[in-house]
Amino acid sequence: MNGIILIDKIFLIVALLFSLFYGFFCKQIWFPENKNITKSRWLHEVWFNFVGSLIGWICIYAIYKSLSIFTWQTLVSNILWQHIILFLVGVLGIIGLLPYVLWGISRAVDQLISKILGRT
């Protein structure tokens, strides 16, 4: 039991460190050419990228916790479509693309609804 608790703590520390990294260094990562970003925009981007990364780590953790009860022989047969969706969201969040993918999806839905309603 202590090994699982230690793994959970290590996972939490890694998740927080990488989420903080994506949050605080988002300007250098996503906007390296834009030196004149406002403080409020920077704080928004820090929060946006921190939360996106943390959501990714939480998704991967949920997969780990739900599948860790199985042996290697039975693991593959117990993977569900929910695990695949969590994995995709988790990877997008961890690599810092979740906010932008969600924004792109919302823009696509907005444009689709506009076309259906005949708006330009």
PDB file of N, CA and C in Angstrom:
ATOM      1  N   MET A   1       0.819  -1.201   0.000  1.00  0.00           N
ATOM      2  CA  MET A   1       0.000   0.000   0.000  1.00  0.00           C
ATOM      3  C   MET A   1       0.860   1.261   0.000  1.00  0.00           C
ATOM      4  N   ASN A   2       1.979   1.254   0.704  1.00  0.00           N
ATOM      5  CA  ASN A   2       2.848   2.422   0.738  1.00  0.00           C
ATOM      6  C   ASN A   2       3.427   2.734  -0.637  1.00  0.00           C
ATOM      7  N   GLY A   3       3.682   1.688  -1.451  1.00  0.00           N
ATOM      8  CA  GLY A   3       4.193   1.917  -2.798  1.00  0.00           C
ATOM      9  C   GLY A   3       3.199   2.668  -3.668  1.00  0.00           C
ATOM     10  N   ILE A   4       1.929   2.328  -3.540  1.00  0.00           N
ATOM     11  CA  ILE A   4       0.897   3.023  -4.314  1.00  0.00           C
ATOM     12  C   ILE A   4       0.787   4.464  -3.857  1.00  0.00           C
ATOM     13  N   ILE A   5       0.833   4.703  -2.575  1.00  0.00           N
ATOM     14  CA  ILE A   5       0.759   6.066  -2.063  1.00  0.00           C
ATOM     15  C   ILE A   5       1.962   6.872  -2.532  1.00  0.00           C
ATOM     16  N   LEU A   6       3.147   6.282  -2.537  1.00  0.00           N
ATOM     17  CA  LEU A   6       4.344   6.968  -3.014  1.00  0.00           C
ATOM     18  C   LEU A   6       4.231   7.283  -4.504  1.00  0.00           C
ATOM     19  N   ILE A   7       3.742   6.348  -5.288  1.00  0.00           N
ATOM     20  CA  ILE A   7       3.562   6.583  -6.724  1.00  0.00           C
ATOM     21  C   ILE A   7       2.558   7.713  -6.947  1.00  0.00           C
ATOM     22  N   ASP A   8       1.477   7.722  -6.179  1.00  0.00           N
ATOM     23  CA  ASP A   8       0.486   8.788  -6.288  1.00  0.00           C
ATOM     24  C   ASP A   8       1.093  10.146  -5.972  1.00  0.00           C
ATOM     25  N   LYS A   9       1.917  10.211  -4.935  1.00  0.00           N
ATOM     26  CA  LYS A   9       2.564  11.479  -4.561  1.00  0.00           C
ATOM     27  C   LYS A   9       3.538  11.933  -5.642  1.00  0.00           C
ATOM     28  N   ILE A  10       4.318  11.008  -6.171  1.00  0.00           N
ATOM     29  CA  ILE A  10       5.256  11.350  -7.246  1.00  0.00           C
ATOM     30  C   ILE A  10       4.490  11.847  -8.469  1.00  0.00           C
ATOM     31  N   PHE A  11       3.409  11.170  -8.821  1.00  0.00           N
ATOM     32  CA  PHE A  11       2.587  11.584  -9.951  1.00  0.00           C
ATOM     33  C   PHE A  11       2.035  12.986  -9.730  1.00  0.00           C
ATOM     34  N   LEU A  12       1.535  13.266  -8.529  1.00  0.00           N
ATOM     35  CA  LEU A  12       0.993  14.578  -8.210  1.00  0.00           C
ATOM     36  C   LEU A  12       2.063  15.661  -8.335  1.00  0.00           C
ATOM     37  N   ILE A  13       3.253  15.398  -7.831  1.00  0.00           N
ATOM     38  CA  ILE A  13       4.342  16.375  -7.907  1.00  0.00           C
ATOM     39  C   ILE A  13       4.727  16.640  -9.357  1.00  0.00           C
ATOM     40  N   VAL A  14       4.882  15.582 -10.146  1.00  0.00           N
ATOM     41  CA  VAL A  14       5.231  15.740 -11.561  1.00  0.00           C
ATOM     42  C   VAL A  14       4.136  16.512 -12.296  1.00  0.00           C
ATOM     43  N   ALA A  15       2.882  16.162 -12.033  1.00  0.00           N
ATOM     44  CA  ALA A  15       1.756  16.841 -12.682  1.00  0.00           C
ATOM     45  C   ALA A  15       1.742  18.327 -12.347  1.00  0.00           C
ATOM     46  N   LEU A  16       1.922  18.656 -11.089  1.00  0.00           N
ATOM     47  CA  LEU A  16       1.920  20.070 -10.690  1.00  0.00           C
ATOM     48  C   LEU A  16       3.103  20.826 -11.274  1.00  0.00           C
ATOM     49  N   LEU A  17       4.279  20.208 -11.265  1.00  0.00           N
ATOM     50  CA  LEU A  17       5.459  20.883 -11.813  1.00  0.00           C
ATOM     51  C   LEU A  17       5.322  21.157 -13.307  1.00  0.00           C
ATOM     52  N   PHE A  18       4.883  20.160 -14.062  1.00  0.00           N
ATOM     53  CA  PHE A  18       4.732  20.374 -15.499  1.00  0.00           C
ATOM     54  C   PHE A  18       3.583  21.317 -15.815  1.00  0.00           C
ATOM     55  N   SER A  19       2.518  21.274 -15.032  1.00  0.00           N
ATOM     56  CA  SER A  19       1.413  22.204 -15.244  1.00  0.00           C
ATOM     57  C   SER A  19       1.849  23.632 -14.941  1.00  0.00           C
ATOM     58  N   LEU A  20       2.601  23.810 -13.873  1.00  0.00           N
ATOM     59  CA  LEU A  20       3.142  25.139 -13.578  1.00  0.00           C
ATOM     60  C   LEU A  20       4.090  25.606 -14.675  1.00  0.00           C
ATOM     61  N   PHE A  21       4.903  24.681 -15.185  1.00  0.00           N
ATOM     62  CA  PHE A  21       5.807  25.015 -16.284  1.00  0.00           C
ATOM     63  C   PHE A  21       5.035  25.534 -17.487  1.00  0.00           C
ATOM     64  N   TYR A  22       4.011  24.787 -17.916  1.00  0.00           N
ATOM     65  CA  TYR A  22       3.216  25.225 -19.064  1.00  0.00           C
ATOM     66  C   TYR A  22       2.478  26.514 -18.769  1.00  0.00           C
ATOM     67  N   GLY A  23       2.060  26.688 -17.528  1.00  0.00           N
ATOM     68  CA  GLY A  23       1.389  27.933 -17.182  1.00  0.00           C
ATOM     69  C   GLY A  23       2.310  29.131 -17.233  1.00  0.00           C
ATOM     70  N   PHE A  24       3.419  29.083 -16.512  1.00  0.00           N
ATOM     71  CA  PHE A  24       4.279  30.251 -16.393  1.00  0.00           C
ATOM     72  C   PHE A  24       5.160  30.517 -17.615  1.00  0.00           C
ATOM     73  N   PHE A  25       5.441  29.500 -18.405  1.00  0.00           N
ATOM     74  CA  PHE A  25       6.274  29.705 -19.578  1.00  0.00           C
ATOM     75  C   PHE A  25       5.486  29.688 -20.882  1.00  0.00           C
ATOM     76  N   CYS A  26       4.157  29.837 -20.767  1.00  0.00           N
ATOM     77  CA  CYS A  26       3.323  29.805 -21.979  1.00  0.00           C
ATOM     78  C   CYS A  26       3.692  30.942 -22.934  1.00  0.00           C
ATOM     79  N   LYS A  27       4.084  32.090 -22.406  1.00  0.00           N
ATOM     80  CA  LYS A  27       4.445  33.218 -23.273  1.00  0.00           C
ATOM     81  C   LYS A  27       5.645  32.869 -24.146  1.00  0.00           C
ATOM     82  N   GLN A  28       6.661  32.265 -23.555  1.00  0.00           N
ATOM     83  CA  GLN A  28       7.848  31.883 -24.313  1.00  0.00           C
ATOM     84  C   GLN A  28       7.553  30.719 -25.257  1.00  0.00           C
ATOM     85  N   ILE A  29       6.630  29.848 -24.889  1.00  0.00           N
ATOM     86  CA  ILE A  29       6.318  28.675 -25.706  1.00  0.00           C
ATOM     87  C   ILE A  29       5.418  29.050 -26.876  1.00  0.00           C
ATOM     88  N   TRP A  30       4.320  29.753 -26.600  1.00  0.00           N
ATOM     89  CA  TRP A  30       3.304  29.990 -27.621  1.00  0.00           C
ATOM     90  C   TRP A  30       3.389  31.364 -28.269  1.00  0.00           C
ATOM     91  N   PHE A  31       4.017  32.341 -27.606  1.00  0.00           N
ATOM     92  CA  PHE A  31       4.089  33.702 -28.146  1.00  0.00           C
ATOM     93  C   PHE A  31       5.513  34.249 -28.086  1.00  0.00           C
ATOM     94  N   PRO A  32       6.505  33.557 -28.619  1.00  0.00           N
ATOM     95  CA  PRO A  32       7.892  34.029 -28.461  1.00  0.00           C
ATOM     96  C   PRO A  32       8.158  35.358 -29.174  1.00  0.00           C
ATOM     97  N   GLU A  33       7.440  35.642 -30.249  1.00  0.00           N
ATOM     98  CA  GLU A  33       7.684  36.876 -30.997  1.00  0.00           C
ATOM     99  C   GLU A  33       6.931  38.064 -30.411  1.00  0.00           C
ATOM    100  N   ASN A  34       5.945  37.827 -29.554  1.00  0.00           N
ATOM    101  CA  ASN A  34       5.128  38.893 -28.998  1.00  0.00           C
ATOM    102  C   ASN A  34       5.679  39.314 -27.646  1.00  0.00           C
ATOM    103  N   LYS A  35       6.464  40.375 -27.625  1.00  0.00           N
ATOM    104  CA  LYS A  35       7.077  40.851 -26.379  1.00  0.00           C
ATOM    105  C   LYS A  35       6.149  41.779 -25.602  1.00  0.00           C
ATOM    106  N   ASN A  36       5.108  42.309 -26.245  1.00  0.00           N
ATOM    107  CA  ASN A  36       4.252  43.316 -25.624  1.00  0.00           C
ATOM    108  C   ASN A  36       2.912  42.748 -25.169  1.00  0.00           C
ATOM    109  N   ILE A  37       2.913  41.575 -24.619  1.00  0.00           N
ATOM    110  CA  ILE A  37       1.672  40.977 -24.125  1.00  0.00           C
ATOM    111  C   ILE A  37       1.307  41.650 -22.799  1.00  0.00           C
ATOM    112  N   THR A  38       0.038  41.999 -22.646  1.00  0.00           N
ATOM    113  CA  THR A  38      -0.384  42.705 -21.429  1.00  0.00           C
ATOM    114  C   THR A  38      -0.358  41.765 -20.229  1.00  0.00           C
ATOM    115  N   LYS A  39      -0.312  42.369 -19.049  1.00  0.00           N
ATOM    116  CA  LYS A  39      -0.268  41.559 -17.827  1.00  0.00           C
ATOM    117  C   LYS A  39      -1.543  40.733 -17.666  1.00  0.00           C
ATOM    118  N   SER A  40      -2.692  41.322 -17.972  1.00  0.00           N
ATOM    119  CA  SER A  40      -3.937  40.567 -17.839  1.00  0.00           C
ATOM    120  C   SER A  40      -3.997  39.420 -18.845  1.00  0.00           C
ATOM    121  N   ARG A  41      -3.507  39.653 -20.067  1.00  0.00           N
ATOM    122  CA  ARG A  41      -3.471  38.572 -21.062  1.00  0.00           C
ATOM    123  C   ARG A  41      -2.518  37.472 -20.616  1.00  0.00           C
ATOM    124  N   TRP A  42      -1.364  37.882 -20.057  1.00  0.00           N
ATOM    125  CA  TRP A  42      -0.391  36.896 -19.581  1.00  0.00           C
ATOM    126  C   TRP A  42      -0.995  36.069 -18.453  1.00  0.00           C
ATOM    127  N   LEU A  43      -1.678  36.714 -17.492  1.00  0.00           N
ATOM    128  CA  LEU A  43      -2.301  35.965 -16.397  1.00  0.00           C
ATOM    129  C   LEU A  43      -3.378  35.019 -16.919  1.00  0.00           C
ATOM    130  N   HIS A  44      -4.139  35.470 -17.910  1.00  0.00           N
ATOM    131  CA  HIS A  44      -5.138  34.608 -18.520  1.00  0.00           C
ATOM    132  C   HIS A  44      -4.467  33.390 -19.162  1.00  0.00           C
ATOM    133  N   GLU A  45      -3.407  33.608 -19.911  1.00  0.00           N
ATOM    134  CA  GLU A  45      -2.699  32.508 -20.573  1.00  0.00           C
ATOM    135  C   GLU A  45      -2.069  31.561 -19.563  1.00  0.00           C
ATOM    136  N   VAL A  46      -1.529  32.098 -18.465  1.00  0.00           N
ATOM    137  CA  VAL A  46      -0.967  31.252 -17.406  1.00  0.00           C
ATOM    138  C   VAL A  46      -2.055  30.331 -16.865  1.00  0.00           C
ATOM    139  N   TRP A  47      -3.201  30.910 -16.521  1.00  0.00           N
ATOM    140  CA  TRP A  47      -4.303  30.119 -15.973  1.00  0.00           C
ATOM    141  C   TRP A  47      -4.810  29.108 -16.995  1.00  0.00           C
ATOM    142  N   PHE A  48      -5.015  29.574 -18.220  1.00  0.00           N
ATOM    143  CA  PHE A  48      -5.524  28.757 -19.318  1.00  0.00           C
ATOM    144  C   PHE A  48      -4.634  27.536 -19.549  1.00  0.00           C
ATOM    145  N   ASN A  49      -3.330  27.749 -19.649  1.00  0.00           N
ATOM    146  CA  ASN A  49      -2.395  26.667 -19.932  1.00  0.00           C
ATOM    147  C   ASN A  49      -2.137  25.789 -18.714  1.00  0.00           C
ATOM    148  N   PHE A  50      -2.122  26.378 -17.519  1.00  0.00           N
ATOM    149  CA  PHE A  50      -1.962  25.591 -16.297  1.00  0.00           C
ATOM    150  C   PHE A  50      -3.134  24.618 -16.143  1.00  0.00           C
ATOM    151  N   VAL A  51      -4.353  25.122 -16.278  1.00  0.00           N
ATOM    152  CA  VAL A  51      -5.542  24.280 -16.117  1.00  0.00           C
ATOM    153  C   VAL A  51      -5.596  23.216 -17.212  1.00  0.00           C
ATOM    154  N   GLY A  52      -5.278  23.598 -18.452  1.00  0.00           N
ATOM    155  CA  GLY A  52      -5.278  22.619 -19.543  1.00  0.00           C
ATOM    156  C   GLY A  52      -4.311  21.477 -19.287  1.00  0.00           C
ATOM    157  N   SER A  53      -3.122  21.806 -18.828  1.00  0.00           N
ATOM    158  CA  SER A  53      -2.131  20.780 -18.533  1.00  0.00           C
ATOM    159  C   SER A  53      -2.559  19.923 -17.343  1.00  0.00           C
ATOM    160  N   LEU A  54      -3.084  20.567 -16.312  1.00  0.00           N
ATOM    161  CA  LEU A  54      -3.512  19.820 -15.133  1.00  0.00           C
ATOM    162  C   LEU A  54      -4.663  18.868 -15.473  1.00  0.00           C
ATOM    163  N   ILE A  55      -5.586  19.302 -16.320  1.00  0.00           N
ATOM    164  CA  ILE A  55      -6.674  18.418 -16.759  1.00  0.00           C
ATOM    165  C   ILE A  55      -6.091  17.199 -17.478  1.00  0.00           C
ATOM    166  N   GLY A  56      -5.076  17.430 -18.305  1.00  0.00           N
ATOM    167  CA  GLY A  56      -4.426  16.314 -18.991  1.00  0.00           C
ATOM    168  C   GLY A  56      -3.829  15.313 -18.018  1.00  0.00           C
ATOM    169  N   TRP A  57      -3.129  15.807 -17.012  1.00  0.00           N
ATOM    170  CA  TRP A  57      -2.524  14.919 -16.024  1.00  0.00           C
ATOM    171  C   TRP A  57      -3.596  14.173 -15.224  1.00  0.00           C
ATOM    172  N   ILE A  58      -4.701  14.841 -14.912  1.00  0.00           N
ATOM    173  CA  ILE A  58      -5.789  14.186 -14.184  1.00  0.00           C
ATOM    174  C   ILE A  58      -6.387  13.061 -15.021  1.00  0.00           C
ATOM    175  N   CYS A  59      -6.527  13.287 -16.321  1.00  0.00           N
ATOM    176  CA  CYS A  59      -7.058  12.239 -17.210  1.00  0.00           C
ATOM    177  C   CYS A  59      -6.139  11.015 -17.220  1.00  0.00           C
ATOM    178  N   ILE A  60      -4.838  11.255 -17.342  1.00  0.00           N
ATOM    179  CA  ILE A  60      -3.890  10.137 -17.346  1.00  0.00           C
ATOM    180  C   ILE A  60      -3.913   9.419 -15.998  1.00  0.00           C
ATOM    181  N   TYR A  61      -4.031  10.176 -14.917  1.00  0.00           N
ATOM    182  CA  TYR A  61      -4.106   9.574 -13.586  1.00  0.00           C
ATOM    183  C   TYR A  61      -5.366   8.717 -13.448  1.00  0.00           C
ATOM    184  N   ALA A  62      -6.483   9.195 -13.978  1.00  0.00           N
ATOM    185  CA  ALA A  62      -7.733   8.422 -13.916  1.00  0.00           C
ATOM    186  C   ALA A  62      -7.592   7.108 -14.671  1.00  0.00           C
ATOM    187  N   ILE A  63      -6.920   7.145 -15.812  1.00  0.00           N
ATOM    188  CA  ILE A  63      -6.670   5.902 -16.565  1.00  0.00           C
ATOM    189  C   ILE A  63      -5.805   4.957 -15.734  1.00  0.00           C
ATOM    190  N   TYR A  64      -4.739   5.505 -15.182  1.00  0.00           N
ATOM    191  CA  TYR A  64      -3.835   4.692 -14.365  1.00  0.00           C
ATOM    192  C   TYR A  64      -4.580   4.028 -13.202  1.00  0.00           C
ATOM    193  N   LYS A  65      -5.388   4.822 -12.489  1.00  0.00           N
ATOM    194  CA  LYS A  65      -6.092   4.267 -11.327  1.00  0.00           C
ATOM    195  C   LYS A  65      -7.132   3.229 -11.736  1.00  0.00           C
ATOM    196  N   SER A  66      -7.815   3.449 -12.864  1.00  0.00           N
ATOM    197  CA  SER A  66      -8.865   2.506 -13.243  1.00  0.00           C
ATOM    198  C   SER A  66      -8.307   1.220 -13.850  1.00  0.00           C
ATOM    199  N   LEU A  67      -7.115   1.282 -14.432  1.00  0.00           N
ATOM    200  CA  LEU A  67      -6.551   0.082 -15.051  1.00  0.00           C
ATOM    201  C   LEU A  67      -5.478  -0.598 -14.207  1.00  0.00           C
ATOM    202  N   SER A  68      -5.050   0.035 -13.128  1.00  0.00           N
ATOM    203  CA  SER A  68      -3.959  -0.543 -12.333  1.00  0.00           C
ATOM    204  C   SER A  68      -4.390  -1.785 -11.555  1.00  0.00           C
ATOM    205  N   ILE A  69      -5.687  -2.030 -11.451  1.00  0.00           N
ATOM    206  CA  ILE A  69      -6.149  -3.214 -10.718  1.00  0.00           C
ATOM    207  C   ILE A  69      -6.022  -4.492 -11.548  1.00  0.00           C
ATOM    208  N   PHE A  70      -5.793  -4.339 -12.849  1.00  0.00           N
ATOM    209  CA  PHE A  70      -5.713  -5.499 -13.732  1.00  0.00           C
ATOM    210  C   PHE A  70      -4.273  -5.956 -13.899  1.00  0.00           C
ATOM    211  N   THR A  71      -4.119  -7.229 -14.211  1.00  0.00           N
ATOM    212  CA  THR A  71      -2.794  -7.751 -14.512  1.00  0.00           C
ATOM    213  C   THR A  71      -2.468  -7.433 -15.972  1.00  0.00           C
ATOM    214  N   TRP A  72      -1.210  -7.580 -16.351  1.00  0.00           N
ATOM    215  CA  TRP A  72      -0.802  -7.321 -17.735  1.00  0.00           C
ATOM    216  C   TRP A  72      -1.540  -8.234 -18.715  1.00  0.00           C
ATOM    217  N   GLN A  73      -1.888  -9.419 -18.276  1.00  0.00           N
ATOM    218  CA  GLN A  73      -2.580 -10.354 -19.153  1.00  0.00           C
ATOM    219  C   GLN A  73      -4.025  -9.927 -19.431  1.00  0.00           C
ATOM    220  N   THR A  74      -4.653  -9.248 -18.492  1.00  0.00           N
ATOM    221  CA  THR A  74      -6.061  -8.852 -18.658  1.00  0.00           C
ATOM    222  C   THR A  74      -6.238  -7.364 -18.940  1.00  0.00           C
ATOM    223  N   LEU A  75      -5.146  -6.630 -18.978  1.00  0.00           N
ATOM    224  CA  LEU A  75      -5.233  -5.179 -19.139  1.00  0.00           C
ATOM    225  C   LEU A  75      -5.878  -4.771 -20.459  1.00  0.00           C
ATOM    226  N   VAL A  76      -5.405  -5.305 -21.568  1.00  0.00           N
ATOM    227  CA  VAL A  76      -5.879  -4.892 -22.885  1.00  0.00           C
ATOM    228  C   VAL A  76      -7.367  -5.166 -23.052  1.00  0.00           C
ATOM    229  N   SER A  77      -7.837  -6.283 -22.554  1.00  0.00           N
ATOM    230  CA  SER A  77      -9.258  -6.611 -22.714  1.00  0.00           C
ATOM    231  C   SER A  77     -10.159  -5.744 -21.837  1.00  0.00           C
ATOM    232  N   ASN A  78      -9.587  -4.979 -20.918  1.00  0.00           N
ATOM    233  CA  ASN A  78     -10.379  -4.116 -20.050  1.00  0.00           C
ATOM    234  C   ASN A  78     -10.300  -2.640 -20.429  1.00  0.00           C
ATOM    235  N   ILE A  79      -9.614  -2.317 -21.512  1.00  0.00           N
ATOM    236  CA  ILE A  79      -9.566  -0.931 -21.981  1.00  0.00           C
ATOM    237  C   ILE A  79     -10.885  -0.617 -22.682  1.00  0.00           C
ATOM    238  N   LEU A  80     -11.511   0.453 -22.255  1.00  0.00           N
ATOM    239  CA  LEU A  80     -12.800   0.869 -22.796  1.00  0.00           C
ATOM    240  C   LEU A  80     -12.625   2.109 -23.666  1.00  0.00           C
ATOM    241  N   TRP A  81     -13.655   2.484 -24.412  1.00  0.00           N
ATOM    242  CA  TRP A  81     -13.564   3.682 -25.249  1.00  0.00           C
ATOM    243  C   TRP A  81     -13.377   4.929 -24.383  1.00  0.00           C
ATOM    244  N   GLN A  82     -13.879   4.903 -23.138  1.00  0.00           N
ATOM    245  CA  GLN A  82     -13.680   6.028 -22.227  1.00  0.00           C
ATOM    246  C   GLN A  82     -12.200   6.236 -21.919  1.00  0.00           C
ATOM    247  N   HIS A  83     -11.459   5.129 -21.808  1.00  0.00           N
ATOM    248  CA  HIS A  83     -10.021   5.241 -21.563  1.00  0.00           C
ATOM    249  C   HIS A  83      -9.325   5.897 -22.752  1.00  0.00           C
ATOM    250  N   ILE A  84      -9.761   5.574 -23.953  1.00  0.00           N
ATOM    251  CA  ILE A  84      -9.153   6.151 -25.155  1.00  0.00           C
ATOM    252  C   ILE A  84      -9.420   7.649 -25.221  1.00  0.00           C
ATOM    253  N   ILE A  85     -10.652   8.051 -24.911  1.00  0.00           N
ATOM    254  CA  ILE A  85     -10.970   9.486 -24.897  1.00  0.00           C
ATOM    255  C   ILE A  85     -10.173  10.197 -23.814  1.00  0.00           C
ATOM    256  N   LEU A  86     -10.116   9.608 -22.630  1.00  0.00           N
ATOM    257  CA  LEU A  86      -9.308  10.197 -21.551  1.00  0.00           C
ATOM    258  C   LEU A  86      -7.844  10.301 -21.959  1.00  0.00           C
ATOM    259  N   PHE A  87      -7.348   9.286 -22.652  1.00  0.00           N
ATOM    260  CA  PHE A  87      -5.959   9.317 -23.100  1.00  0.00           C
ATOM    261  C   PHE A  87      -5.726  10.458 -24.085  1.00  0.00           C
ATOM    262  N   LEU A  88      -6.617  10.622 -25.048  1.00  0.00           N
ATOM    263  CA  LEU A  88      -6.468  11.708 -26.020  1.00  0.00           C
ATOM    264  C   LEU A  88      -6.524  13.081 -25.353  1.00  0.00           C
ATOM    265  N   VAL A  89      -7.490  13.268 -24.457  1.00  0.00           N
ATOM    266  CA  VAL A  89      -7.577  14.533 -23.726  1.00  0.00           C
ATOM    267  C   VAL A  89      -6.336  14.716 -22.857  1.00  0.00           C
ATOM    268  N   GLY A  90      -5.891  13.638 -22.231  1.00  0.00           N
ATOM    269  CA  GLY A  90      -4.705  13.712 -21.387  1.00  0.00           C
ATOM    270  C   GLY A  90      -3.459  14.113 -22.147  1.00  0.00           C
ATOM    271  N   VAL A  91      -3.237  13.501 -23.291  1.00  0.00           N
ATOM    272  CA  VAL A  91      -2.052  13.837 -24.090  1.00  0.00           C
ATOM    273  C   VAL A  91      -2.128  15.277 -24.579  1.00  0.00           C
ATOM    274  N   LEU A  92      -3.291  15.689 -25.076  1.00  0.00           N
ATOM    275  CA  LEU A  92      -3.448  17.076 -25.527  1.00  0.00           C
ATOM    276  C   LEU A  92      -3.197  18.059 -24.389  1.00  0.00           C
ATOM    277  N   GLY A  93      -3.670  17.724 -23.198  1.00  0.00           N
ATOM    278  CA  GLY A  93      -3.449  18.598 -22.052  1.00  0.00           C
ATOM    279  C   GLY A  93      -1.996  18.643 -21.629  1.00  0.00           C
ATOM    280  N   ILE A  94      -1.360  17.506 -21.571  1.00  0.00           N
ATOM    281  CA  ILE A  94       0.029  17.449 -21.107  1.00  0.00           C
ATOM    282  C   ILE A  94       0.973  18.173 -22.056  1.00  0.00           C
ATOM    283  N   ILE A  95       0.728  18.077 -23.357  1.00  0.00           N
ATOM    284  CA  ILE A  95       1.634  18.747 -24.302  1.00  0.00           C
ATOM    285  C   ILE A  95       1.227  20.201 -24.566  1.00  0.00           C
ATOM    286  N   GLY A  96       0.177  20.659 -23.880  1.00  0.00           N
ATOM    287  CA  GLY A  96      -0.185  22.070 -23.950  1.00  0.00           C
ATOM    288  C   GLY A  96      -1.120  22.455 -25.074  1.00  0.00           C
ATOM    289  N   LEU A  97      -1.722  21.497 -25.738  1.00  0.00           N
ATOM    290  CA  LEU A  97      -2.590  21.814 -26.869  1.00  0.00           C
ATOM    291  C   LEU A  97      -4.083  21.749 -26.542  1.00  0.00           C
ATOM    292  N   LEU A  98      -4.453  21.289 -25.370  1.00  0.00           N
ATOM    293  CA  LEU A  98      -5.867  21.140 -25.033  1.00  0.00           C
ATOM    294  C   LEU A  98      -6.642  22.454 -25.137  1.00  0.00           C
ATOM    295  N   PRO A  99      -6.138  23.569 -24.597  1.00  0.00           N
ATOM    296  CA  PRO A  99      -6.905  24.816 -24.730  1.00  0.00           C
ATOM    297  C   PRO A  99      -7.138  25.207 -26.187  1.00  0.00           C
ATOM    298  N   TYR A 100      -6.148  25.015 -27.018  1.00  0.00           N
ATOM    299  CA  TYR A 100      -6.266  25.419 -28.412  1.00  0.00           C
ATOM    300  C   TYR A 100      -7.161  24.480 -29.217  1.00  0.00           C
ATOM    301  N   VAL A 101      -7.123  23.208 -28.895  1.00  0.00           N
ATOM    302  CA  VAL A 101      -8.019  22.252 -29.558  1.00  0.00           C
ATOM    303  C   VAL A 101      -9.468  22.540 -29.163  1.00  0.00           C
ATOM    304  N   LEU A 102      -9.703  22.788 -27.881  1.00  0.00           N
ATOM    305  CA  LEU A 102     -11.059  23.115 -27.440  1.00  0.00           C
ATOM    306  C   LEU A 102     -11.544  24.420 -28.062  1.00  0.00           C
ATOM    307  N   TRP A 103     -10.669  25.398 -28.172  1.00  0.00           N
ATOM    308  CA  TRP A 103     -11.023  26.655 -28.820  1.00  0.00           C
ATOM    309  C   TRP A 103     -11.361  26.407 -30.286  1.00  0.00           C
ATOM    310  N   GLY A 104     -10.567  25.596 -30.962  1.00  0.00           N
ATOM    311  CA  GLY A 104     -10.826  25.273 -32.369  1.00  0.00           C
ATOM    312  C   GLY A 104     -12.150  24.547 -32.555  1.00  0.00           C
ATOM    313  N   ILE A 105     -12.460  23.627 -31.657  1.00  0.00           N
ATOM    314  CA  ILE A 105     -13.738  22.916 -31.732  1.00  0.00           C
ATOM    315  C   ILE A 105     -14.893  23.895 -31.530  1.00  0.00           C
ATOM    316  N   SER A 106     -14.752  24.803 -30.564  1.00  0.00           N
ATOM    317  CA  SER A 106     -15.836  25.765 -30.321  1.00  0.00           C
ATOM    318  C   SER A 106     -16.021  26.691 -31.518  1.00  0.00           C
ATOM    319  N   ARG A 107     -14.945  27.083 -32.174  1.00  0.00           N
ATOM    320  CA  ARG A 107     -15.045  27.920 -33.375  1.00  0.00           C
ATOM    321  C   ARG A 107     -15.698  27.141 -34.512  1.00  0.00           C
ATOM    322  N   ALA A 108     -15.356  25.877 -34.668  1.00  0.00           N
ATOM    323  CA  ALA A 108     -15.950  25.063 -35.735  1.00  0.00           C
ATOM    324  C   ALA A 108     -17.445  24.884 -35.506  1.00  0.00           C
ATOM    325  N   VAL A 109     -17.850  24.646 -34.273  1.00  0.00           N
ATOM    326  CA  VAL A 109     -19.275  24.508 -33.960  1.00  0.00           C
ATOM    327  C   VAL A 109     -19.991  25.831 -34.224  1.00  0.00           C
ATOM    328  N   ASP A 110     -19.377  26.933 -33.828  1.00  0.00           N
ATOM    329  CA  ASP A 110     -19.958  28.248 -34.070  1.00  0.00           C
ATOM    330  C   ASP A 110     -20.149  28.507 -35.565  1.00  0.00           C
ATOM    331  N   GLN A 111     -19.146  28.186 -36.362  1.00  0.00           N
ATOM    332  CA  GLN A 111     -19.245  28.381 -37.808  1.00  0.00           C
ATOM    333  C   GLN A 111     -20.281  27.453 -38.427  1.00  0.00           C
ATOM    334  N   LEU A 112     -20.365  26.233 -37.948  1.00  0.00           N
ATOM    335  CA  LEU A 112     -21.361  25.283 -38.457  1.00  0.00           C
ATOM    336  C   LEU A 112     -22.776  25.774 -38.158  1.00  0.00           C
ATOM    337  N   ILE A 113     -23.009  26.233 -36.948  1.00  0.00           N
ATOM    338  CA  ILE A 113     -24.328  26.757 -36.583  1.00  0.00           C
ATOM    339  C   ILE A 113     -24.661  27.989 -37.407  1.00  0.00           C
ATOM    340  N   SER A 114     -23.668  28.859 -37.632  1.00  0.00           N
ATOM    341  CA  SER A 114     -23.894  30.033 -38.463  1.00  0.00           C
ATOM    342  C   SER A 114     -24.297  29.652 -39.879  1.00  0.00           C
ATOM    343  N   LYS A 115     -23.657  28.648 -40.440  1.00  0.00           N
ATOM    344  CA  LYS A 115     -24.007  28.194 -41.790  1.00  0.00           C
ATOM    345  C   LYS A 115     -25.399  27.577 -41.821  1.00  0.00           C
ATOM    346  N   ILE A 116     -25.732  26.799 -40.789  1.00  0.00           N
ATOM    347  CA  ILE A 116     -27.055  26.178 -40.742  1.00  0.00           C
ATOM    348  C   ILE A 116     -28.142  27.245 -40.642  1.00  0.00           C
ATOM    349  N   LEU A 117     -27.891  28.280 -39.863  1.00  0.00           N
ATOM    350  CA  LEU A 117     -28.873  29.342 -39.686  1.00  0.00           C
ATOM    351  C   LEU A 117     -28.827  30.382 -40.794  1.00  0.00           C
ATOM    352  N   GLY A 118     -27.875  30.236 -41.716  1.00  0.00           N
ATOM    353  CA  GLY A 118     -27.789  31.146 -42.855  1.00  0.00           C
ATOM    354  C   GLY A 118     -27.095  32.454 -42.566  1.00  0.00           C
ATOM    355  N   ARG A 119     -26.371  32.521 -41.471  1.00  0.00           N
ATOM    356  CA  ARG A 119     -25.600  33.729 -41.143  1.00  0.00           C
ATOM    357  C   ARG A 119     -24.241  33.650 -41.797  1.00  0.00           C
ATOM    358  N   THR A 120     -23.665  34.786 -42.076  1.00  0.00           N
ATOM    359  CA  THR A 120     -22.313  34.783 -42.669  1.00  0.00           C
ATOM    360  C   THR A 120     -21.313  35.328 -41.728  1.00  0.00           C
TER     361      THR A 120
END
